[in-house]
Amino acid sequence: MDRFSSFFQLRFDQEFVRSSWIITDQMLGRNNMSPNRLEVVLMLLMLMVYNASGAFVGINIGTNVSDLPSASDIVSILKAKKIQHVRLVDSNHEMLVALANTGIEVMVGVPNNELLRVGQSRPTAADWINKNVAAYIPATNITYIAVGDEILTTVPNAALVLVPALQFLQSALLAANLNTQVKLSSPHSMDMISKAFPPSTATFNSTWSSIMLQYLGFLKKTGSSFMLNAQPYYGYVKGQGVFPLEYALFRSLNPNSQIADPNTNLFYTNMFDAMVDATYNSMKAMNFTDIPVMVTASGWPWHGARKEPAADVDNALAYNTNLIRHVLNNSGTPSQRNNQAMVHVNSQEGESYFGVLGVFLNFSCPRNEQARCTNFECQAEKLQLSYRNE
């Protein structure tokens, strides 16, 4: 095994919250790893795998990397770490074959660049299911399909085919008698919510009302989760000083700086919880109250540009550590106290960009980026705190 990278995903369900540390293992020379940093990473992994509350670790793996370890090596790591949940950002054949007969629950993904053709043709959607899902079941335990990623806010020209894609894929699952085993959903960003605070009055952007009604209706009918990419860093930056940094990093607030929803009198000790509750209330505003929220990406940039305040390694480590601790505390959110925290694992799609949200432990510096690498980064990791940036 020649490299190790680690990612982080949070997943909330109605009965429980699955916080996912998305880990792609890519090792390149461990001898340069800082002992203190390595100790922190291993401690967090131990917390996730052996949390007494029953939280589990899954993994979300990006395979669009030339020097990624072999699929069999990755699966060996998953088994050694007792990871029972895996999310693939695509439907990589080698990974799906390697995951066969392991019992590991697998989520596959329809990439954004495939959504148009899947959403415009029922036969194409059926072919996608047959080739990327049905062909591997039951040996490979596929349980979820993530259809696109932040389509409405990043690829608006494909917005009108999102729900048809879900419907066509669902019909194909039904025809293959897989509709009870495999669920469908699509990740959205917080940009879908016009005003996230206070959470009690949050609503989805009216631009997408028609599509969201159809989307939520689909989720309710199929018993699927609302997928959310929640990034407190951007909420902090966009707030322009309204919210203190401590609030975004899960740190204790000054008694004079407590943040409460004036309509519910619920206190929010961190921005992450507020984002999740804002999503629940946005669905409630459209008369949907029983759809669980799954947080599919959350993190903090470690390598910010000059115009990116607070984007550094220390804050990234603080956010990562505090978020894991918060989720594994099983306290839910202020308006969703019955949610239980659980852990899942993911992987990175490449190292050609920097400062992306996610945990990315890289044990070497690419030649063309050495000038940007600090001593810490070269010796230990390039730390990112979310799992992907499509």
Protein backbone atom coordinates (compact mmCIF):
# COMPACT_ATOMS: atom_id res chain seq x y z
CA MET A 1 0.00 0.00 0.00
CA ASP A 2 1.65 3.22 -0.94
CA ARG A 3 -0.52 6.14 0.23
CA PHE A 4 -3.08 7.12 2.78
CA SER A 5 -5.72 9.78 2.60
CA SER A 6 -8.68 10.32 4.82
CA PHE A 7 -12.02 11.90 4.30
CA PHE A 8 -14.99 12.78 6.25
CA GLN A 9 -18.65 12.58 5.66
CA LEU A 10 -21.59 13.01 7.99
CA ARG A 11 -24.77 11.22 7.60
CA PHE A 12 -27.96 11.88 9.54
CA ASP A 13 -30.94 9.50 9.50
CA GLN A 14 -34.31 9.83 11.24
CA GLU A 15 -33.46 7.02 13.63
CA PHE A 16 -29.78 7.85 13.74
CA VAL A 17 -27.10 10.10 12.40
CA ARG A 18 -24.33 8.51 10.43
CA SER A 19 -21.25 10.66 10.59
CA SER A 20 -18.98 9.45 7.87
CA TRP A 21 -15.25 9.70 7.95
CA ILE A 22 -14.46 9.12 4.36
CA ILE A 23 -11.15 7.39 4.19
CA THR A 24 -9.24 6.55 1.09
CA ASP A 25 -6.02 4.80 1.89
CA GLN A 26 -3.07 5.90 -0.20
CA MET A 27 0.28 5.52 1.51
CA LEU A 28 3.50 7.02 0.29
CA GLY A 29 6.32 6.87 2.80
CA ARG A 30 5.02 6.85 6.34
CA ASN A 31 8.46 7.52 7.74
CA ASN A 32 7.93 11.27 7.31
CA MET A 33 4.69 11.33 9.30
CA SER A 34 4.76 13.60 12.32
CA PRO A 35 4.21 11.35 15.39
CA ASN A 36 1.88 13.86 17.02
CA ARG A 37 -0.24 14.30 13.90
CA LEU A 38 -0.32 10.55 13.30
CA GLU A 39 -1.43 9.98 16.88
CA VAL A 40 -4.34 12.39 16.43
CA VAL A 41 -5.43 10.72 13.20
CA LEU A 42 -5.27 7.23 14.66
CA MET A 43 -7.11 8.35 17.78
CA LEU A 44 -9.98 9.71 15.68
CA LEU A 45 -10.13 6.54 13.62
CA MET A 46 -10.28 4.47 16.79
CA LEU A 47 -13.10 6.64 18.09
CA MET A 48 -15.05 6.10 14.93
CA VAL A 49 -14.57 2.38 14.65
CA TYR A 50 -14.97 1.44 18.29
CA ASN A 51 -17.46 4.02 19.52
CA ALA A 52 -19.40 2.37 22.32
CA SER A 53 -22.71 3.79 21.13
CA GLY A 54 -22.63 1.53 18.08
CA ALA A 55 -21.47 4.16 15.60
CA PHE A 56 -19.87 2.67 12.51
CA VAL A 57 -17.26 3.69 9.98
CA GLY A 58 -18.01 3.56 6.28
CA ILE A 59 -15.93 4.73 3.35
CA ASN A 60 -16.65 6.90 0.31
CA ILE A 61 -14.07 6.25 -2.36
CA GLY A 62 -13.18 8.33 -5.39
CA THR A 63 -11.45 6.22 -8.02
CA ASN A 64 -10.56 8.95 -10.53
CA VAL A 65 -6.91 8.92 -9.46
CA SER A 66 -4.09 7.31 -11.40
CA ASP A 67 -2.06 6.20 -8.38
CA LEU A 68 -4.91 5.01 -6.17
CA PRO A 69 -4.16 1.72 -4.39
CA SER A 70 -5.70 -1.36 -5.95
CA ALA A 71 -9.32 -2.13 -5.18
CA SER A 72 -8.31 -5.29 -3.33
CA ASP A 73 -5.87 -3.32 -1.16
CA ILE A 74 -8.54 -0.76 -0.30
CA VAL A 75 -11.04 -3.47 0.61
CA SER A 76 -8.40 -5.19 2.75
CA ILE A 77 -8.07 -1.95 4.72
CA LEU A 78 -11.84 -1.67 5.07
CA LYS A 79 -12.04 -5.18 6.45
CA ALA A 80 -9.08 -4.65 8.77
CA LYS A 81 -10.72 -1.48 10.13
CA LYS A 82 -14.07 -3.29 10.39
CA ILE A 83 -15.65 -0.68 8.14
CA GLN A 84 -19.10 -1.83 7.08
CA HIS A 85 -20.30 1.05 4.89
CA VAL A 86 -18.72 2.30 1.65
CA ARG A 87 -19.71 5.08 -0.69
CA LEU A 88 -18.31 5.16 -4.22
CA VAL A 89 -18.55 8.51 -6.01
CA ASP A 90 -19.17 6.52 -9.18
CA SER A 91 -19.76 2.84 -9.90
CA ASN A 92 -16.19 1.64 -10.32
CA HIS A 93 -16.15 -1.95 -11.56
CA GLU A 94 -12.96 -2.99 -9.78
CA MET A 95 -14.22 -1.68 -6.43
CA LEU A 96 -17.63 -3.30 -6.80
CA VAL A 97 -16.01 -6.64 -7.61
CA ALA A 98 -13.55 -6.33 -4.73
CA LEU A 99 -16.39 -5.55 -2.32
CA ALA A 100 -18.26 -8.72 -3.24
CA ASN A 101 -18.94 -11.21 -0.45
CA THR A 102 -17.71 -8.82 2.23
CA GLY A 103 -21.14 -7.85 3.59
CA ILE A 104 -20.09 -4.18 3.41
CA GLU A 105 -22.99 -1.87 2.52
CA VAL A 106 -22.19 0.07 -0.64
CA MET A 107 -23.47 3.38 -2.04
CA VAL A 108 -22.75 3.99 -5.72
CA GLY A 109 -23.07 7.30 -7.56
CA VAL A 110 -24.34 8.63 -10.86
CA PRO A 111 -21.75 11.32 -11.76
CA ASN A 112 -22.99 14.75 -12.86
CA ASN A 113 -21.70 14.16 -16.38
CA GLU A 114 -23.96 11.11 -16.74
CA LEU A 115 -27.13 12.67 -15.34
CA LEU A 116 -28.44 14.20 -18.57
CA ARG A 117 -28.54 10.97 -20.51
CA VAL A 118 -29.94 8.99 -17.56
CA GLY A 119 -32.63 11.60 -16.95
CA GLN A 120 -33.67 11.84 -20.58
CA SER A 121 -34.09 8.17 -21.39
CA ARG A 122 -35.87 5.43 -19.48
CA PRO A 123 -33.97 2.69 -21.38
CA THR A 124 -30.66 4.43 -20.59
CA ALA A 125 -31.55 4.56 -16.89
CA ALA A 126 -32.51 0.88 -16.97
CA ASP A 127 -29.22 0.06 -18.68
CA TRP A 128 -27.35 2.03 -15.98
CA ILE A 129 -29.03 0.05 -13.21
CA ASN A 130 -28.43 -3.26 -14.97
CA LYS A 131 -24.73 -2.57 -15.58
CA ASN A 132 -23.83 -0.74 -12.36
CA VAL A 133 -26.14 -2.22 -9.74
CA ALA A 134 -28.02 -5.39 -10.69
CA ALA A 135 -24.92 -6.98 -12.19
CA TYR A 136 -23.21 -6.96 -8.78
CA ILE A 137 -26.08 -7.86 -6.45
CA PRO A 138 -26.37 -9.96 -4.32
CA ALA A 139 -22.62 -10.60 -4.01
CA THR A 140 -21.98 -6.87 -3.54
CA ASN A 141 -24.34 -5.33 -1.00
CA ILE A 142 -25.38 -2.13 -2.80
CA THR A 143 -27.91 -0.20 -0.72
CA TYR A 144 -27.90 3.42 -1.99
CA ILE A 145 -27.44 5.43 -5.18
CA ALA A 146 -26.43 9.11 -5.02
CA VAL A 147 -27.74 10.70 -8.21
CA GLY A 148 -25.53 13.64 -9.18
CA ASP A 149 -24.10 16.14 -6.71
CA GLU A 150 -25.46 19.66 -6.01
CA ILE A 151 -27.16 19.60 -9.39
CA LEU A 152 -29.59 22.48 -8.83
CA THR A 153 -26.94 24.95 -7.71
CA THR A 154 -23.90 23.87 -9.73
CA VAL A 155 -25.35 22.37 -12.93
CA PRO A 156 -28.67 24.24 -13.26
CA ASN A 157 -29.02 23.29 -16.93
CA ALA A 158 -29.54 19.70 -15.75
CA ALA A 159 -32.07 20.63 -13.06
CA LEU A 160 -35.11 19.58 -15.07
CA VAL A 161 -33.81 16.04 -15.52
CA LEU A 162 -32.99 15.37 -11.85
CA VAL A 163 -36.40 14.08 -10.81
CA PRO A 164 -36.95 12.17 -14.09
CA ALA A 165 -33.56 10.53 -13.53
CA LEU A 166 -34.61 9.47 -10.05
CA GLN A 167 -37.93 8.17 -11.36
CA PHE A 168 -36.40 6.29 -14.28
CA LEU A 169 -33.79 4.72 -12.02
CA GLN A 170 -36.48 3.80 -9.48
CA SER A 171 -38.53 2.11 -12.22
CA ALA A 172 -35.46 0.14 -13.23
CA LEU A 173 -34.88 -0.93 -9.63
CA LEU A 174 -38.51 -2.01 -9.39
CA ALA A 175 -38.22 -4.03 -12.61
CA ALA A 176 -35.12 -5.73 -11.21
CA ASN A 177 -36.89 -6.35 -7.87
CA LEU A 178 -34.27 -4.24 -6.10
CA ASN A 179 -36.43 -1.30 -5.01
CA THR A 180 -36.61 -2.40 -1.37
CA GLN A 181 -32.85 -2.99 -1.06
CA VAL A 182 -31.54 0.04 -2.96
CA LYS A 183 -32.58 3.65 -2.22
CA LEU A 184 -32.09 6.75 -4.37
CA SER A 185 -31.37 10.37 -3.47
CA SER A 186 -29.29 13.37 -4.59
CA PRO A 187 -26.93 15.61 -2.56
CA HIS A 188 -27.76 19.33 -2.27
CA SER A 189 -25.76 22.30 -0.99
CA MET A 190 -26.84 24.85 1.62
CA ASP A 191 -27.21 27.29 -1.28
CA MET A 192 -30.60 25.66 -1.77
CA ILE A 193 -31.79 27.43 1.39
CA SER A 194 -32.49 31.14 0.95
CA LYS A 195 -31.97 32.13 4.59
CA ALA A 196 -30.67 29.44 6.91
CA PHE A 197 -30.92 31.40 10.17
CA PRO A 198 -32.98 31.29 12.21
CA PRO A 199 -33.50 27.60 11.37
CA SER A 200 -37.19 27.69 12.30
CA THR A 201 -38.03 30.01 9.40
CA ALA A 202 -35.66 28.54 6.80
CA THR A 203 -37.09 27.81 3.35
CA PHE A 204 -35.75 26.46 0.10
CA ASN A 205 -34.98 28.93 -2.68
CA SER A 206 -38.28 29.58 -4.45
CA THR A 207 -36.51 29.26 -7.81
CA TRP A 208 -36.54 25.52 -7.32
CA SER A 209 -39.94 25.13 -5.63
CA SER A 210 -41.49 23.01 -8.37
CA ILE A 211 -38.53 20.66 -8.60
CA MET A 212 -38.15 20.44 -4.82
CA LEU A 213 -41.81 19.48 -4.41
CA GLN A 214 -41.29 16.64 -6.88
CA TYR A 215 -37.97 15.66 -5.30
CA LEU A 216 -39.33 15.59 -1.75
CA GLY A 217 -42.39 13.70 -2.93
CA PHE A 218 -40.08 11.10 -4.44
CA LEU A 219 -38.07 10.77 -1.22
CA LYS A 220 -41.22 10.38 0.87
CA LYS A 221 -42.71 7.79 -1.47
CA THR A 222 -39.53 5.71 -1.59
CA GLY A 223 -38.46 6.13 2.05
CA SER A 224 -35.17 7.79 1.08
CA SER A 225 -33.10 10.48 2.82
CA PHE A 226 -32.50 14.12 1.89
CA MET A 227 -28.78 14.41 1.14
CA LEU A 228 -27.11 17.63 2.31
CA ASN A 229 -23.60 19.02 1.88
CA ALA A 230 -23.24 21.20 4.99
CA GLN A 231 -20.16 23.46 5.07
CA PRO A 232 -20.04 25.74 8.16
CA TYR A 233 -16.88 27.41 6.85
CA TYR A 234 -18.81 29.06 4.04
CA GLY A 235 -21.61 29.98 6.40
CA TYR A 236 -19.02 31.67 8.61
CA VAL A 237 -17.44 33.56 5.71
CA LYS A 238 -20.75 34.64 4.19
CA GLY A 239 -21.89 35.85 7.60
CA GLN A 240 -19.18 38.55 7.46
CA GLY A 241 -18.70 38.67 11.20
CA VAL A 242 -22.29 37.96 12.26
CA PHE A 243 -21.28 34.54 13.60
CA PRO A 244 -18.11 34.06 15.68
CA LEU A 245 -15.47 31.63 14.47
CA GLU A 246 -15.97 29.54 17.62
CA TYR A 247 -19.57 28.91 16.56
CA ALA A 248 -18.44 27.40 13.26
CA LEU A 249 -15.70 25.30 14.92
CA PHE A 250 -17.87 23.73 17.65
CA ARG A 251 -15.96 25.66 20.30
CA SER A 252 -17.53 27.01 23.49
CA LEU A 253 -19.14 30.42 23.09
CA ASN A 254 -18.84 33.34 25.45
CA PRO A 255 -21.98 33.48 27.65
CA ASN A 256 -22.71 36.86 26.10
CA SER A 257 -22.52 35.40 22.60
CA GLN A 258 -25.00 32.55 22.90
CA ILE A 259 -26.99 32.00 19.72
CA ALA A 260 -30.68 31.13 19.91
CA ASP A 261 -33.57 30.80 17.50
CA PRO A 262 -35.95 33.59 18.62
CA ASN A 263 -38.99 31.66 17.43
CA THR A 264 -38.31 28.39 19.26
CA ASN A 265 -35.93 29.54 22.01
CA LEU A 266 -33.66 26.65 21.03
CA PHE A 267 -29.97 27.40 21.61
CA TYR A 268 -27.47 26.52 18.91
CA THR A 269 -23.91 25.89 20.07
CA ASN A 270 -22.61 25.32 16.54
CA MET A 271 -23.44 26.24 12.96
CA PHE A 272 -23.53 22.64 11.77
CA ASP A 273 -26.61 21.83 13.86
CA ALA A 274 -28.28 25.03 12.66
CA MET A 275 -27.70 23.99 9.04
CA VAL A 276 -29.20 20.56 9.60
CA ASP A 277 -32.23 21.98 11.41
CA ALA A 278 -32.64 24.62 8.69
CA THR A 279 -32.94 21.77 6.21
CA TYR A 280 -35.56 19.99 8.28
CA ASN A 281 -37.55 23.20 8.59
CA SER A 282 -37.22 23.97 4.89
CA MET A 283 -38.81 20.61 4.18
CA LYS A 284 -41.45 21.29 6.83
CA ALA A 285 -42.32 24.55 5.07
CA MET A 286 -43.22 22.41 2.05
CA ASN A 287 -45.28 20.07 4.25
CA PHE A 288 -42.71 17.27 4.45
CA THR A 289 -41.88 16.36 8.03
CA ASP A 290 -40.72 12.76 8.04
CA ILE A 291 -37.79 12.70 5.61
CA PRO A 292 -34.43 12.11 7.32
CA VAL A 293 -31.45 14.33 6.51
CA MET A 294 -28.19 12.70 5.49
CA VAL A 295 -25.19 15.05 5.59
CA THR A 296 -23.02 13.84 2.74
CA ALA A 297 -20.17 16.35 3.03
CA SER A 298 -18.85 18.63 5.76
CA GLY A 299 -15.47 20.09 6.51
CA TRP A 300 -13.06 23.01 6.75
CA PRO A 301 -10.45 24.25 4.24
CA TRP A 302 -6.87 23.86 5.47
CA HIS A 303 -4.98 25.77 2.76
CA GLY A 304 -6.84 29.02 2.20
CA ALA A 305 -5.97 31.77 -0.23
CA ARG A 306 -5.40 35.30 1.02
CA LYS A 307 -9.09 36.08 0.71
CA GLU A 308 -10.13 32.98 2.68
CA PRO A 309 -10.04 33.89 6.38
CA ALA A 310 -9.49 31.20 9.02
CA ALA A 311 -8.70 28.56 6.38
CA ASP A 312 -5.71 26.92 8.00
CA VAL A 313 -4.52 23.59 9.35
CA ASP A 314 -5.22 24.35 13.02
CA ASN A 315 -8.83 25.31 12.37
CA ALA A 316 -9.27 22.34 10.06
CA LEU A 317 -8.05 19.98 12.77
CA ALA A 318 -10.26 21.71 15.34
CA TYR A 319 -13.35 21.45 13.16
CA ASN A 320 -12.67 17.84 12.27
CA THR A 321 -12.04 16.75 15.85
CA ASN A 322 -14.93 18.70 17.34
CA LEU A 323 -17.40 17.59 14.70
CA ILE A 324 -16.58 13.92 15.25
CA ARG A 325 -16.84 14.36 19.01
CA HIS A 326 -20.15 16.20 18.62
CA VAL A 327 -21.71 13.62 16.33
CA LEU A 328 -20.54 10.64 18.35
CA ASN A 329 -22.02 12.25 21.44
CA ASN A 330 -25.40 11.12 20.09
CA SER A 331 -27.05 14.38 21.11
CA GLY A 332 -28.67 15.04 17.74
CA THR A 333 -29.58 18.62 16.88
CA PRO A 334 -31.68 21.04 18.96
CA SER A 335 -34.85 20.20 17.03
CA GLN A 336 -33.96 16.57 16.30
CA ARG A 337 -32.76 15.19 19.63
CA ASN A 338 -33.66 11.60 18.83
CA ASN A 339 -31.12 11.35 16.01
CA GLN A 340 -28.29 8.98 16.85
CA ALA A 341 -24.77 9.46 15.51
CA MET A 342 -22.99 6.83 13.43
CA VAL A 343 -19.78 6.89 11.37
CA HIS A 344 -19.21 6.26 7.65
CA VAL A 345 -16.01 6.50 5.54
CA ASN A 346 -15.14 8.10 2.16
CA SER A 347 -12.24 8.75 -0.27
CA GLN A 348 -10.59 11.48 -2.34
CA GLU A 349 -10.62 11.93 -6.09
CA GLY A 350 -7.23 13.47 -6.55
CA GLU A 351 -4.63 15.85 -5.26
CA SER A 352 -4.50 18.37 -8.06
CA TYR A 353 -6.28 21.01 -6.01
CA PHE A 354 -5.68 22.49 -2.57
CA GLY A 355 -7.71 23.83 0.27
CA VAL A 356 -10.74 21.76 -0.70
CA LEU A 357 -13.08 20.86 2.11
CA GLY A 358 -12.22 17.42 3.38
CA VAL A 359 -9.65 15.38 5.22
CA PHE A 360 -6.83 14.54 2.87
CA LEU A 361 -3.69 13.09 4.34
CA ASN A 362 -0.97 13.18 1.74
CA PHE A 363 2.48 11.93 2.59
CA SER A 364 4.35 13.68 -0.18
CA CYS A 365 4.24 16.96 -2.05
CA PRO A 366 3.73 16.89 -5.83
CA ARG A 367 6.75 18.39 -7.60
CA ASN A 368 4.76 21.19 -9.19
CA GLU A 369 3.30 22.18 -5.82
CA GLN A 370 6.36 22.04 -3.57
CA ALA A 371 6.52 25.82 -3.35
CA ARG A 372 3.08 25.82 -1.76
CA CYS A 373 3.81 23.05 0.72
CA THR A 374 4.61 24.01 4.25
CA ASN A 375 7.03 21.92 6.28
CA PHE A 376 4.04 20.42 8.09
CA GLU A 377 2.32 19.50 4.86
CA CYS A 378 5.38 17.91 3.32
CA GLN A 379 6.23 15.96 6.43
CA ALA A 380 2.76 14.95 7.47
CA GLU A 381 -0.39 15.68 5.50
CA LYS A 382 -2.23 17.94 3.19
CA LEU A 383 -5.27 18.32 5.32
CA GLN A 384 -8.66 18.89 3.77
CA LEU A 385 -11.95 18.44 5.53
CA SER A 386 -14.61 17.25 3.11
CA TYR A 387 -14.47 14.50 0.65
CA ARG A 388 -14.82 15.87 -2.83
CA ASN A 389 -15.21 18.90 -5.03
CA GLU A 390 -16.91 18.12 -8.32
